N, C-alpha and C. Protein backbone atom coordinates (compact mmCIF):
# COMPACT_ATOMS: atom_id res chain seq x y z
N UNK A 1 -32.28 19.19 9.43
CA UNK A 1 -31.03 19.53 8.75
C UNK A 1 -29.86 19.08 9.60
N UNK A 2 -28.89 18.43 9.04
CA UNK A 2 -27.71 18.06 9.78
C UNK A 2 -26.49 18.32 8.93
N UNK A 3 -25.32 18.17 9.53
CA UNK A 3 -24.10 18.52 8.84
C UNK A 3 -23.88 17.69 7.58
N UNK A 4 -24.40 16.48 7.59
CA UNK A 4 -24.18 15.58 6.45
C UNK A 4 -24.96 16.00 5.22
N UNK A 5 -26.12 16.64 5.43
CA UNK A 5 -26.97 16.93 4.27
C UNK A 5 -27.19 18.42 4.03
N UNK A 6 -26.55 19.26 4.84
CA UNK A 6 -26.78 20.69 4.71
C UNK A 6 -26.27 21.24 3.40
N UNK A 7 -25.03 20.92 3.04
CA UNK A 7 -24.45 21.44 1.81
C UNK A 7 -24.18 22.93 1.91
N UNK A 8 -24.07 23.58 0.77
CA UNK A 8 -23.80 25.01 0.71
C UNK A 8 -25.06 25.75 0.30
N UNK A 9 -25.83 26.29 1.25
CA UNK A 9 -27.05 27.01 0.88
C UNK A 9 -26.72 28.32 0.21
N UNK A 10 -27.64 28.77 -0.61
CA UNK A 10 -27.48 30.07 -1.24
C UNK A 10 -27.72 31.17 -0.22
N UNK A 11 -27.18 32.35 -0.53
CA UNK A 11 -27.34 33.48 0.37
C UNK A 11 -28.82 33.77 0.56
N UNK A 12 -29.23 33.87 1.85
CA UNK A 12 -30.62 34.20 2.15
C UNK A 12 -31.60 33.08 1.89
N UNK A 13 -31.10 31.89 1.61
CA UNK A 13 -31.99 30.77 1.28
C UNK A 13 -32.80 30.34 2.50
N UNK A 14 -34.09 30.10 2.30
CA UNK A 14 -34.97 29.70 3.39
C UNK A 14 -34.75 28.25 3.77
N UNK A 15 -34.80 27.98 5.06
CA UNK A 15 -34.69 26.62 5.57
C UNK A 15 -35.86 26.35 6.51
N UNK A 16 -36.27 25.10 6.60
CA UNK A 16 -37.35 24.74 7.51
C UNK A 16 -36.81 24.68 8.93
N UNK A 17 -37.41 25.46 9.83
CA UNK A 17 -36.89 25.54 11.20
C UNK A 17 -36.94 24.19 11.90
N UNK A 18 -37.91 23.35 11.54
CA UNK A 18 -38.01 22.05 12.20
C UNK A 18 -36.87 21.12 11.83
N UNK A 19 -36.12 21.45 10.79
CA UNK A 19 -35.00 20.62 10.37
C UNK A 19 -33.69 20.98 11.06
N UNK A 20 -33.67 22.07 11.80
CA UNK A 20 -32.45 22.46 12.48
C UNK A 20 -32.19 21.57 13.70
N UNK A 21 -30.94 21.30 13.96
CA UNK A 21 -30.57 20.54 15.15
C UNK A 21 -30.60 21.47 16.36
N UNK A 22 -30.56 20.85 17.55
CA UNK A 22 -30.52 21.64 18.78
C UNK A 22 -29.29 22.53 18.80
N UNK A 23 -28.17 22.02 18.30
CA UNK A 23 -26.94 22.79 18.28
C UNK A 23 -27.07 24.01 17.36
N UNK A 24 -27.70 23.83 16.22
CA UNK A 24 -27.89 24.96 15.30
C UNK A 24 -28.81 26.01 15.91
N UNK A 25 -29.81 25.57 16.64
CA UNK A 25 -30.70 26.52 17.30
C UNK A 25 -29.96 27.29 18.39
N UNK A 26 -29.06 26.62 19.09
CA UNK A 26 -28.24 27.30 20.09
C UNK A 26 -27.39 28.38 19.43
N UNK A 27 -26.85 28.08 18.26
CA UNK A 27 -26.04 29.06 17.52
C UNK A 27 -26.89 30.26 17.13
N UNK A 28 -28.11 30.03 16.68
CA UNK A 28 -29.00 31.13 16.29
C UNK A 28 -29.40 31.96 17.51
N UNK A 29 -29.60 31.32 18.65
CA UNK A 29 -29.87 32.07 19.88
C UNK A 29 -28.67 32.95 20.24
N UNK A 30 -27.47 32.41 20.04
CA UNK A 30 -26.26 33.19 20.31
C UNK A 30 -26.19 34.40 19.38
N UNK A 31 -26.56 34.21 18.11
CA UNK A 31 -26.55 35.32 17.15
C UNK A 31 -27.55 36.39 17.57
N UNK A 32 -28.73 35.98 18.03
CA UNK A 32 -29.73 36.94 18.48
C UNK A 32 -29.25 37.71 19.70
N UNK A 33 -28.63 37.01 20.67
CA UNK A 33 -28.12 37.71 21.85
C UNK A 33 -27.04 38.71 21.47
N UNK A 34 -26.19 38.32 20.53
CA UNK A 34 -25.12 39.19 20.09
C UNK A 34 -25.68 40.44 19.40
N UNK A 35 -26.76 40.26 18.65
CA UNK A 35 -27.38 41.40 17.97
C UNK A 35 -27.98 42.37 18.98
N UNK A 36 -28.53 41.85 20.08
CA UNK A 36 -29.05 42.71 21.13
C UNK A 36 -27.93 43.57 21.71
N UNK A 37 -26.76 42.96 21.89
CA UNK A 37 -25.64 43.65 22.51
C UNK A 37 -24.89 44.57 21.55
N UNK A 38 -24.77 44.17 20.29
CA UNK A 38 -23.88 44.88 19.38
C UNK A 38 -24.58 45.48 18.16
N UNK A 39 -25.87 45.26 18.04
CA UNK A 39 -26.59 45.84 16.91
C UNK A 39 -26.08 45.33 15.58
N UNK A 40 -25.74 46.27 14.68
CA UNK A 40 -25.38 45.86 13.32
C UNK A 40 -23.92 45.45 13.17
N UNK A 41 -23.22 45.27 14.30
CA UNK A 41 -21.83 44.82 14.23
C UNK A 41 -21.73 43.30 14.20
N UNK A 42 -22.83 42.63 13.87
CA UNK A 42 -22.84 41.17 13.84
C UNK A 42 -21.94 40.66 12.71
N UNK A 43 -21.00 39.79 13.06
CA UNK A 43 -20.11 39.18 12.07
C UNK A 43 -20.10 37.67 12.27
N UNK A 44 -19.70 36.96 11.23
CA UNK A 44 -19.58 35.51 11.34
C UNK A 44 -18.56 35.14 12.41
N UNK A 45 -17.46 35.89 12.47
CA UNK A 45 -16.43 35.61 13.47
C UNK A 45 -16.97 35.84 14.88
N UNK A 46 -17.76 36.92 15.05
CA UNK A 46 -18.32 37.21 16.36
C UNK A 46 -19.30 36.15 16.81
N UNK A 47 -20.14 35.70 15.90
CA UNK A 47 -21.09 34.63 16.24
C UNK A 47 -20.36 33.34 16.56
N UNK A 48 -19.33 33.03 15.78
CA UNK A 48 -18.55 31.81 16.03
C UNK A 48 -17.94 31.84 17.42
N UNK A 49 -17.39 33.00 17.82
CA UNK A 49 -16.80 33.10 19.16
C UNK A 49 -17.87 32.94 20.23
N UNK A 50 -19.01 33.63 20.06
CA UNK A 50 -20.06 33.58 21.07
C UNK A 50 -20.65 32.18 21.19
N UNK A 51 -20.78 31.50 20.06
CA UNK A 51 -21.41 30.17 20.05
C UNK A 51 -20.41 29.04 20.25
N UNK A 52 -19.12 29.38 20.38
CA UNK A 52 -18.06 28.37 20.57
C UNK A 52 -18.06 27.35 19.44
N UNK A 53 -18.08 27.87 18.21
CA UNK A 53 -17.96 27.00 17.04
C UNK A 53 -17.04 27.69 16.04
N UNK A 54 -16.71 27.01 14.97
CA UNK A 54 -15.81 27.58 13.98
C UNK A 54 -16.59 28.35 12.92
N UNK A 55 -15.91 29.30 12.27
CA UNK A 55 -16.54 30.00 11.16
C UNK A 55 -16.86 29.03 10.03
N UNK A 56 -16.01 28.02 9.86
CA UNK A 56 -16.25 27.03 8.82
C UNK A 56 -17.57 26.32 9.03
N UNK A 57 -17.90 26.04 10.29
CA UNK A 57 -19.18 25.40 10.60
C UNK A 57 -20.34 26.32 10.25
N UNK A 58 -20.20 27.61 10.56
CA UNK A 58 -21.27 28.56 10.23
C UNK A 58 -21.49 28.64 8.73
N UNK A 59 -20.39 28.69 7.98
CA UNK A 59 -20.52 28.76 6.52
C UNK A 59 -21.13 27.47 5.97
N UNK A 60 -20.79 26.35 6.57
CA UNK A 60 -21.35 25.07 6.11
C UNK A 60 -22.85 25.01 6.39
N UNK A 61 -23.26 25.48 7.55
CA UNK A 61 -24.66 25.42 7.91
C UNK A 61 -25.52 26.48 7.23
N UNK A 62 -25.00 27.71 7.14
CA UNK A 62 -25.84 28.83 6.72
C UNK A 62 -25.41 29.51 5.42
N UNK A 63 -24.28 29.15 4.88
CA UNK A 63 -23.85 29.66 3.59
C UNK A 63 -23.00 30.90 3.66
N UNK A 64 -23.53 32.00 4.21
CA UNK A 64 -22.79 33.24 4.37
C UNK A 64 -23.54 34.10 5.38
N UNK A 65 -23.16 35.36 5.51
CA UNK A 65 -23.79 36.22 6.52
C UNK A 65 -25.28 36.40 6.24
N UNK A 66 -25.66 36.58 4.98
CA UNK A 66 -27.09 36.69 4.66
C UNK A 66 -27.84 35.42 5.03
N UNK A 67 -27.20 34.27 4.79
CA UNK A 67 -27.83 33.01 5.16
C UNK A 67 -28.00 32.89 6.66
N UNK A 68 -27.00 33.35 7.41
CA UNK A 68 -27.10 33.34 8.87
C UNK A 68 -28.20 34.29 9.34
N UNK A 69 -28.25 35.48 8.74
CA UNK A 69 -29.30 36.43 9.10
C UNK A 69 -30.69 35.87 8.79
N UNK A 70 -30.81 35.22 7.64
CA UNK A 70 -32.08 34.60 7.27
C UNK A 70 -32.52 33.57 8.29
N UNK A 71 -31.60 32.69 8.66
CA UNK A 71 -31.92 31.66 9.64
C UNK A 71 -32.27 32.27 10.99
N UNK A 72 -31.59 33.34 11.36
CA UNK A 72 -31.86 34.01 12.63
C UNK A 72 -33.27 34.59 12.64
N UNK A 73 -33.65 35.24 11.55
CA UNK A 73 -35.01 35.80 11.46
C UNK A 73 -36.05 34.68 11.46
N UNK A 74 -35.78 33.61 10.73
CA UNK A 74 -36.72 32.48 10.69
C UNK A 74 -36.89 31.87 12.07
N UNK A 75 -35.79 31.73 12.79
CA UNK A 75 -35.84 31.13 14.12
C UNK A 75 -36.68 32.00 15.06
N UNK A 76 -36.51 33.30 14.98
CA UNK A 76 -37.29 34.20 15.82
C UNK A 76 -38.76 34.15 15.43
N UNK A 77 -39.04 34.17 14.12
CA UNK A 77 -40.43 34.16 13.65
C UNK A 77 -41.13 32.84 13.94
N UNK A 78 -40.36 31.75 14.04
CA UNK A 78 -40.96 30.44 14.29
C UNK A 78 -41.61 30.36 15.67
N UNK A 79 -41.29 31.31 16.54
CA UNK A 79 -41.88 31.33 17.88
C UNK A 79 -43.32 31.81 17.86
N UNK A 80 -43.75 32.34 16.71
CA UNK A 80 -45.17 32.67 16.52
C UNK A 80 -45.84 31.44 15.94
N UNK A 81 -46.54 30.72 16.79
CA UNK A 81 -47.12 29.44 16.38
C UNK A 81 -48.55 29.63 15.86
N UNK A 82 -48.96 28.71 15.03
CA UNK A 82 -50.33 28.71 14.52
C UNK A 82 -50.96 27.37 14.89
N UNK A 83 -52.03 27.45 15.68
CA UNK A 83 -52.77 26.23 16.03
C UNK A 83 -53.56 25.80 14.80
N UNK A 84 -53.28 24.63 14.24
CA UNK A 84 -53.98 24.21 13.01
C UNK A 84 -55.45 23.95 13.27
N UNK A 85 -56.24 24.15 12.26
CA UNK A 85 -57.67 23.85 12.34
C UNK A 85 -58.01 22.87 11.22
N UNK A 86 -59.01 22.07 11.46
CA UNK A 86 -59.47 21.10 10.47
C UNK A 86 -60.40 21.81 9.49
N UNK A 87 -59.99 21.95 8.22
CA UNK A 87 -60.82 22.70 7.26
C UNK A 87 -62.24 22.17 7.16
N UNK A 88 -62.42 20.87 7.41
CA UNK A 88 -63.75 20.29 7.27
C UNK A 88 -64.59 20.36 8.53
N UNK A 89 -63.95 20.67 9.67
CA UNK A 89 -64.67 20.63 10.93
C UNK A 89 -64.50 21.88 11.79
N UNK A 90 -63.85 22.90 11.27
CA UNK A 90 -63.58 24.08 12.09
C UNK A 90 -64.87 24.77 12.51
N UNK A 91 -64.97 25.06 13.80
CA UNK A 91 -66.10 25.84 14.30
C UNK A 91 -65.59 27.21 14.73
N UNK A 92 -66.48 28.07 15.11
CA UNK A 92 -66.11 29.44 15.43
C UNK A 92 -65.18 29.49 16.64
N UNK A 93 -65.41 28.60 17.61
CA UNK A 93 -64.58 28.59 18.81
C UNK A 93 -63.14 28.21 18.50
N UNK A 94 -62.94 27.16 17.68
CA UNK A 94 -61.58 26.74 17.35
C UNK A 94 -60.89 27.77 16.46
N UNK A 95 -61.65 28.43 15.59
CA UNK A 95 -61.10 29.48 14.76
C UNK A 95 -60.61 30.64 15.63
N UNK A 96 -61.45 31.05 16.57
CA UNK A 96 -61.07 32.15 17.46
C UNK A 96 -59.87 31.77 18.31
N UNK A 97 -59.81 30.53 18.76
CA UNK A 97 -58.68 30.06 19.57
C UNK A 97 -57.38 30.13 18.79
N UNK A 98 -57.42 29.72 17.53
CA UNK A 98 -56.22 29.75 16.70
C UNK A 98 -55.76 31.19 16.46
N UNK A 99 -56.68 32.08 16.13
CA UNK A 99 -56.34 33.48 15.89
C UNK A 99 -55.80 34.13 17.15
N UNK A 100 -56.43 33.86 18.26
CA UNK A 100 -56.01 34.49 19.52
C UNK A 100 -54.63 34.00 19.95
N UNK A 101 -54.37 32.70 19.78
CA UNK A 101 -53.05 32.17 20.12
C UNK A 101 -51.96 32.76 19.26
N UNK A 102 -52.24 32.91 17.98
CA UNK A 102 -51.30 33.54 17.06
C UNK A 102 -51.00 34.97 17.50
N UNK A 103 -52.05 35.71 17.85
CA UNK A 103 -51.87 37.09 18.27
C UNK A 103 -51.04 37.19 19.54
N UNK A 104 -51.29 36.31 20.51
CA UNK A 104 -50.50 36.31 21.74
C UNK A 104 -49.03 36.07 21.46
N UNK A 105 -48.76 35.04 20.65
CA UNK A 105 -47.37 34.72 20.33
C UNK A 105 -46.68 35.87 19.63
N UNK A 106 -47.37 36.49 18.67
CA UNK A 106 -46.74 37.57 17.91
C UNK A 106 -46.40 38.75 18.82
N UNK A 107 -47.32 39.10 19.70
CA UNK A 107 -47.05 40.21 20.62
C UNK A 107 -45.88 39.89 21.55
N UNK A 108 -45.81 38.65 22.02
CA UNK A 108 -44.68 38.25 22.87
C UNK A 108 -43.37 38.34 22.12
N UNK A 109 -43.37 37.90 20.88
CA UNK A 109 -42.14 37.89 20.09
C UNK A 109 -41.68 39.30 19.78
N UNK A 110 -42.57 40.18 19.31
CA UNK A 110 -42.13 41.52 18.93
C UNK A 110 -41.72 42.34 20.14
N UNK A 111 -42.20 41.97 21.33
CA UNK A 111 -41.84 42.70 22.54
C UNK A 111 -40.52 42.23 23.15
N UNK A 112 -39.94 41.18 22.59
CA UNK A 112 -38.68 40.65 23.13
C UNK A 112 -37.51 41.54 22.73
N UNK A 113 -36.48 41.54 23.57
CA UNK A 113 -35.29 42.34 23.27
C UNK A 113 -34.67 41.95 21.93
N UNK A 114 -34.72 40.65 21.63
CA UNK A 114 -34.10 40.18 20.38
C UNK A 114 -34.83 40.71 19.15
N UNK A 115 -36.16 40.68 19.17
CA UNK A 115 -36.91 41.20 18.02
C UNK A 115 -36.74 42.70 17.87
N UNK A 116 -36.74 43.42 18.99
CA UNK A 116 -36.56 44.86 18.92
C UNK A 116 -35.21 45.19 18.31
N UNK A 117 -34.15 44.50 18.77
CA UNK A 117 -32.81 44.75 18.23
C UNK A 117 -32.74 44.39 16.75
N UNK A 118 -33.32 43.26 16.39
CA UNK A 118 -33.30 42.80 15.01
C UNK A 118 -34.02 43.79 14.10
N UNK A 119 -35.19 44.25 14.51
CA UNK A 119 -35.96 45.17 13.70
C UNK A 119 -35.29 46.55 13.60
N UNK A 120 -34.67 46.98 14.68
CA UNK A 120 -33.96 48.27 14.63
C UNK A 120 -32.82 48.22 13.62
N UNK A 121 -32.07 47.12 13.63
CA UNK A 121 -30.97 46.99 12.67
C UNK A 121 -31.52 46.94 11.25
N UNK A 122 -32.60 46.18 11.04
CA UNK A 122 -33.19 46.06 9.70
C UNK A 122 -33.65 47.42 9.19
N UNK A 123 -34.30 48.20 10.05
CA UNK A 123 -34.78 49.52 9.65
C UNK A 123 -33.60 50.44 9.33
N UNK A 124 -32.57 50.39 10.16
CA UNK A 124 -31.42 51.27 9.94
C UNK A 124 -30.67 50.93 8.65
N UNK A 125 -30.75 49.66 8.21
CA UNK A 125 -30.05 49.23 7.01
C UNK A 125 -30.89 49.36 5.75
N UNK A 126 -32.19 49.58 5.91
CA UNK A 126 -33.07 49.61 4.75
C UNK A 126 -32.62 50.67 3.74
N UNK A 127 -32.38 50.24 2.53
CA UNK A 127 -31.98 51.15 1.46
C UNK A 127 -30.55 51.62 1.53
N UNK A 128 -29.79 51.13 2.50
CA UNK A 128 -28.41 51.59 2.67
C UNK A 128 -27.42 50.82 1.82
N UNK A 129 -27.80 49.63 1.36
CA UNK A 129 -26.89 48.79 0.60
C UNK A 129 -25.91 48.02 1.45
N UNK A 130 -26.04 48.12 2.78
CA UNK A 130 -25.11 47.41 3.66
C UNK A 130 -25.28 45.90 3.54
N UNK A 131 -26.52 45.45 3.53
CA UNK A 131 -26.82 44.03 3.41
C UNK A 131 -28.29 43.90 3.01
N UNK A 132 -28.78 42.67 3.00
CA UNK A 132 -30.17 42.42 2.60
C UNK A 132 -31.10 42.21 3.79
N UNK A 133 -30.70 42.73 4.96
CA UNK A 133 -31.46 42.41 6.17
C UNK A 133 -32.91 42.87 6.09
N UNK A 134 -33.16 44.05 5.51
CA UNK A 134 -34.54 44.51 5.41
C UNK A 134 -35.41 43.54 4.63
N UNK A 135 -34.91 43.11 3.47
CA UNK A 135 -35.65 42.15 2.65
C UNK A 135 -35.77 40.81 3.34
N UNK A 136 -34.73 40.42 4.06
CA UNK A 136 -34.75 39.14 4.78
C UNK A 136 -35.81 39.16 5.87
N UNK A 137 -35.89 40.26 6.62
CA UNK A 137 -36.89 40.37 7.69
C UNK A 137 -38.29 40.37 7.13
N UNK A 138 -38.50 41.07 6.01
CA UNK A 138 -39.83 41.08 5.39
C UNK A 138 -40.24 39.69 4.92
N UNK A 139 -39.35 39.03 4.18
CA UNK A 139 -39.68 37.74 3.58
C UNK A 139 -39.86 36.65 4.62
N UNK A 140 -38.98 36.61 5.61
CA UNK A 140 -38.99 35.52 6.59
C UNK A 140 -39.68 35.88 7.90
N UNK A 141 -40.08 37.15 8.00
CA UNK A 141 -40.84 37.59 9.15
C UNK A 141 -42.28 37.85 8.77
N UNK A 142 -42.58 39.08 8.39
CA UNK A 142 -43.97 39.46 8.13
C UNK A 142 -44.63 38.63 7.03
N UNK A 143 -43.96 38.44 5.87
CA UNK A 143 -44.57 37.69 4.77
C UNK A 143 -44.75 36.22 5.13
N UNK A 144 -43.76 35.65 5.82
CA UNK A 144 -43.87 34.25 6.24
C UNK A 144 -45.00 34.07 7.25
N UNK A 145 -45.19 35.04 8.13
CA UNK A 145 -46.27 34.95 9.11
C UNK A 145 -47.62 34.99 8.42
N UNK A 146 -47.73 35.76 7.34
CA UNK A 146 -48.99 35.79 6.58
C UNK A 146 -49.26 34.44 5.93
N UNK A 147 -48.22 33.85 5.34
CA UNK A 147 -48.39 32.53 4.70
C UNK A 147 -48.78 31.47 5.73
N UNK A 148 -48.25 31.61 6.94
CA UNK A 148 -48.52 30.61 7.97
C UNK A 148 -49.96 30.68 8.45
N UNK A 149 -50.53 31.88 8.49
CA UNK A 149 -51.91 32.02 8.98
C UNK A 149 -52.93 31.81 7.87
N UNK A 150 -52.50 31.89 6.62
CA UNK A 150 -53.43 31.79 5.49
C UNK A 150 -54.33 30.55 5.56
N UNK A 151 -53.80 29.34 5.87
CA UNK A 151 -54.68 28.17 5.92
C UNK A 151 -55.80 28.30 6.95
N UNK A 152 -55.52 28.99 8.06
CA UNK A 152 -56.56 29.19 9.08
C UNK A 152 -57.65 30.11 8.55
N UNK A 153 -57.24 31.20 7.91
CA UNK A 153 -58.23 32.12 7.34
C UNK A 153 -59.05 31.43 6.24
N UNK A 154 -58.38 30.66 5.39
CA UNK A 154 -59.09 29.96 4.31
C UNK A 154 -60.06 28.93 4.87
N UNK A 155 -59.64 28.23 5.95
CA UNK A 155 -60.52 27.24 6.57
C UNK A 155 -61.75 27.92 7.18
N UNK A 156 -61.52 29.08 7.81
CA UNK A 156 -62.65 29.82 8.38
C UNK A 156 -63.62 30.28 7.31
N UNK A 157 -63.10 30.67 6.16
CA UNK A 157 -63.95 31.09 5.05
C UNK A 157 -64.72 29.91 4.47
N UNK A 158 -64.00 28.79 4.28
CA UNK A 158 -64.64 27.60 3.71
C UNK A 158 -65.76 27.09 4.61
N UNK A 159 -65.57 27.21 5.92
CA UNK A 159 -66.58 26.73 6.87
C UNK A 159 -67.74 27.71 7.03
N UNK A 160 -67.63 28.89 6.40
CA UNK A 160 -68.71 29.85 6.47
C UNK A 160 -68.65 30.78 7.66
N UNK A 161 -67.51 30.78 8.39
CA UNK A 161 -67.38 31.65 9.56
C UNK A 161 -66.78 33.01 9.22
N UNK A 162 -66.05 33.08 8.12
CA UNK A 162 -65.43 34.33 7.69
C UNK A 162 -65.88 34.68 6.28
N UNK A 163 -65.98 35.97 6.03
CA UNK A 163 -66.32 36.45 4.69
C UNK A 163 -65.26 37.47 4.27
N UNK A 164 -64.51 37.15 3.23
CA UNK A 164 -63.54 38.09 2.67
C UNK A 164 -63.27 37.72 1.23
N UNK A 165 -62.88 38.72 0.43
CA UNK A 165 -62.55 38.47 -0.96
C UNK A 165 -61.07 38.18 -1.15
N UNK A 166 -60.23 38.79 -0.30
CA UNK A 166 -58.79 38.66 -0.46
C UNK A 166 -58.17 38.32 0.89
N UNK A 167 -57.48 37.17 0.96
CA UNK A 167 -56.91 36.72 2.23
C UNK A 167 -55.82 37.66 2.73
N UNK A 168 -55.05 38.22 1.81
CA UNK A 168 -53.98 39.15 2.22
C UNK A 168 -54.56 40.39 2.89
N UNK A 169 -55.64 40.91 2.34
CA UNK A 169 -56.28 42.08 2.95
C UNK A 169 -56.83 41.73 4.33
N UNK A 170 -57.42 40.54 4.45
CA UNK A 170 -57.94 40.10 5.74
C UNK A 170 -56.80 39.96 6.75
N UNK A 171 -55.69 39.38 6.30
CA UNK A 171 -54.54 39.22 7.20
C UNK A 171 -54.01 40.58 7.65
N UNK A 172 -53.89 41.52 6.73
CA UNK A 172 -53.36 42.84 7.08
C UNK A 172 -54.27 43.53 8.10
N UNK A 173 -55.56 43.32 7.97
CA UNK A 173 -56.49 43.88 8.95
C UNK A 173 -56.25 43.27 10.32
N UNK A 174 -56.14 41.94 10.37
CA UNK A 174 -55.90 41.27 11.65
C UNK A 174 -54.57 41.70 12.24
N UNK A 175 -53.54 41.75 11.41
CA UNK A 175 -52.21 42.15 11.85
C UNK A 175 -52.25 43.56 12.45
N UNK A 176 -52.98 44.44 11.80
CA UNK A 176 -53.10 45.80 12.30
C UNK A 176 -53.85 45.87 13.62
N UNK A 177 -54.91 45.08 13.76
CA UNK A 177 -55.67 45.06 15.00
C UNK A 177 -54.83 44.53 16.16
N UNK A 178 -53.99 43.55 15.87
CA UNK A 178 -53.12 42.99 16.91
C UNK A 178 -51.99 43.96 17.26
N UNK A 179 -51.32 44.48 16.23
CA UNK A 179 -50.13 45.28 16.46
C UNK A 179 -50.39 46.71 16.86
N UNK A 180 -51.46 47.32 16.32
CA UNK A 180 -51.76 48.73 16.56
C UNK A 180 -50.49 49.58 16.41
N UNK A 181 -50.14 50.36 17.43
CA UNK A 181 -48.92 51.16 17.36
C UNK A 181 -47.79 50.55 18.20
N UNK A 182 -47.99 49.29 18.61
CA UNK A 182 -47.06 48.67 19.55
C UNK A 182 -45.64 48.60 19.00
N UNK A 183 -45.49 48.12 17.76
CA UNK A 183 -44.15 47.88 17.24
C UNK A 183 -43.36 49.18 17.07
N UNK A 184 -44.00 50.22 16.56
CA UNK A 184 -43.28 51.48 16.38
C UNK A 184 -42.90 52.07 17.73
N UNK A 185 -43.75 51.92 18.73
CA UNK A 185 -43.40 52.42 20.07
C UNK A 185 -42.20 51.66 20.63
N UNK A 186 -42.18 50.36 20.43
CA UNK A 186 -41.05 49.57 20.91
C UNK A 186 -39.76 49.98 20.21
N UNK A 187 -39.84 50.19 18.89
CA UNK A 187 -38.65 50.58 18.13
C UNK A 187 -38.12 51.94 18.57
N UNK A 188 -39.02 52.81 19.04
CA UNK A 188 -38.62 54.14 19.47
C UNK A 188 -38.30 54.21 20.96
N UNK A 189 -38.27 53.05 21.62
CA UNK A 189 -37.83 53.01 23.00
C UNK A 189 -38.91 53.17 24.04
N UNK A 190 -40.17 53.13 23.62
CA UNK A 190 -41.27 53.25 24.57
C UNK A 190 -41.78 51.86 24.91
N UNK A 191 -42.12 51.63 26.17
CA UNK A 191 -42.63 50.33 26.59
C UNK A 191 -44.14 50.44 26.81
N UNK A 192 -44.94 49.81 25.95
CA UNK A 192 -46.40 49.96 26.03
C UNK A 192 -47.08 49.02 27.03
N UNK A 193 -46.35 48.59 28.04
CA UNK A 193 -46.96 47.78 29.11
C UNK A 193 -47.40 46.40 28.69
N UNK A 194 -46.57 45.70 27.92
CA UNK A 194 -46.96 44.38 27.42
C UNK A 194 -46.63 43.29 28.43
N UNK A 195 -47.38 43.27 29.53
CA UNK A 195 -47.31 42.18 30.48
C UNK A 195 -48.03 40.97 29.91
N UNK A 196 -47.87 39.82 30.54
CA UNK A 196 -48.58 38.62 30.09
C UNK A 196 -50.08 38.87 30.06
N UNK A 197 -50.59 39.51 31.10
CA UNK A 197 -52.04 39.78 31.16
C UNK A 197 -52.46 40.75 30.07
N UNK A 198 -51.66 41.79 29.85
CA UNK A 198 -52.00 42.78 28.82
C UNK A 198 -51.96 42.16 27.43
N UNK A 199 -50.97 41.29 27.18
CA UNK A 199 -50.88 40.61 25.89
C UNK A 199 -52.10 39.72 25.65
N UNK A 200 -52.49 38.97 26.68
CA UNK A 200 -53.67 38.10 26.54
C UNK A 200 -54.92 38.93 26.26
N UNK A 201 -55.05 40.05 26.95
CA UNK A 201 -56.22 40.92 26.74
C UNK A 201 -56.21 41.52 25.35
N UNK A 202 -55.04 41.98 24.90
CA UNK A 202 -54.94 42.58 23.57
C UNK A 202 -55.23 41.56 22.48
N UNK A 203 -54.73 40.34 22.65
CA UNK A 203 -54.96 39.29 21.65
C UNK A 203 -56.44 38.94 21.56
N UNK A 204 -57.09 38.84 22.71
CA UNK A 204 -58.52 38.52 22.72
C UNK A 204 -59.33 39.65 22.08
N UNK A 205 -58.95 40.89 22.39
CA UNK A 205 -59.67 42.05 21.83
C UNK A 205 -59.51 42.09 20.31
N UNK A 206 -58.29 41.90 19.83
CA UNK A 206 -58.04 41.94 18.39
C UNK A 206 -58.82 40.85 17.67
N UNK A 207 -58.90 39.67 18.27
CA UNK A 207 -59.65 38.57 17.67
C UNK A 207 -61.13 38.90 17.59
N UNK A 208 -61.68 39.44 18.68
CA UNK A 208 -63.09 39.83 18.67
C UNK A 208 -63.36 40.88 17.60
N UNK A 209 -62.46 41.86 17.50
CA UNK A 209 -62.64 42.93 16.51
C UNK A 209 -62.57 42.39 15.09
N UNK A 210 -61.63 41.47 14.87
CA UNK A 210 -61.49 40.89 13.54
C UNK A 210 -62.74 40.09 13.16
N UNK A 211 -63.25 39.31 14.09
CA UNK A 211 -64.45 38.52 13.81
C UNK A 211 -65.67 39.42 13.63
N UNK A 212 -65.69 40.56 14.30
CA UNK A 212 -66.79 41.50 14.10
C UNK A 212 -66.74 42.09 12.69
N UNK A 213 -65.53 42.30 12.18
CA UNK A 213 -65.38 42.86 10.84
C UNK A 213 -65.60 41.84 9.73
N UNK A 214 -65.06 40.62 9.94
CA UNK A 214 -65.07 39.62 8.87
C UNK A 214 -65.95 38.41 9.16
N UNK A 215 -66.61 38.41 10.31
CA UNK A 215 -67.48 37.29 10.62
C UNK A 215 -68.66 37.20 9.68
N UNK A 216 -69.07 35.97 9.36
CA UNK A 216 -70.14 35.76 8.38
C UNK A 216 -71.46 36.38 8.82
N UNK A 217 -71.64 36.54 10.12
CA UNK A 217 -72.92 37.07 10.60
C UNK A 217 -73.20 38.47 10.09
N UNK A 218 -72.14 39.22 9.73
CA UNK A 218 -72.40 40.56 9.24
C UNK A 218 -73.03 40.56 7.84
N UNK A 219 -72.99 39.38 7.20
CA UNK A 219 -73.60 39.26 5.88
C UNK A 219 -75.06 38.80 5.95
N UNK A 220 -75.46 38.41 7.17
CA UNK A 220 -76.79 37.85 7.33
C UNK A 220 -77.84 38.96 7.45
């Protein structure tokens, strides 16, 4: 995405993170830092000042405040990567590697100050009518993460390594095994000891548990 082809996006409209320029990503990082410091007092003017750009540029790139919030959530969620697998050649080891990497990234992202601040604001605004942040976080965070992992789960099923009737149910199980009570503890100000080593251990454990529940061997 660049200034020449951006146009006027609709409020909350999704954009592909890979199309953002380095400058736009810097602006989104500035918005995230500002949210950590000021919570729900995020304004277009405040982001423009922090990012050393004009409000006109923000409106051109993101449309309005909902568009900026959408892009901010997408940028944060994009840090949860999915290692692709070849649907025709996926083996159990590559499937486990992809799931484990996803789990590590997700735990790192939700434990960051930016995600904690973003989620706290979204929860506080839910149902308040202040803005659409709750819906934006759901659509571009949790729901987008499910869509991103779906091809891996489908590939595992097609290759005979996973057995499930509904991919969404399988994803929710995996998400629960990875997250446990971590996110609610973080939102309530408790630190559950998410060091690099602890995150790696938790991700590996969740992957093993998921494969024990949905692995094809349980059908044999």
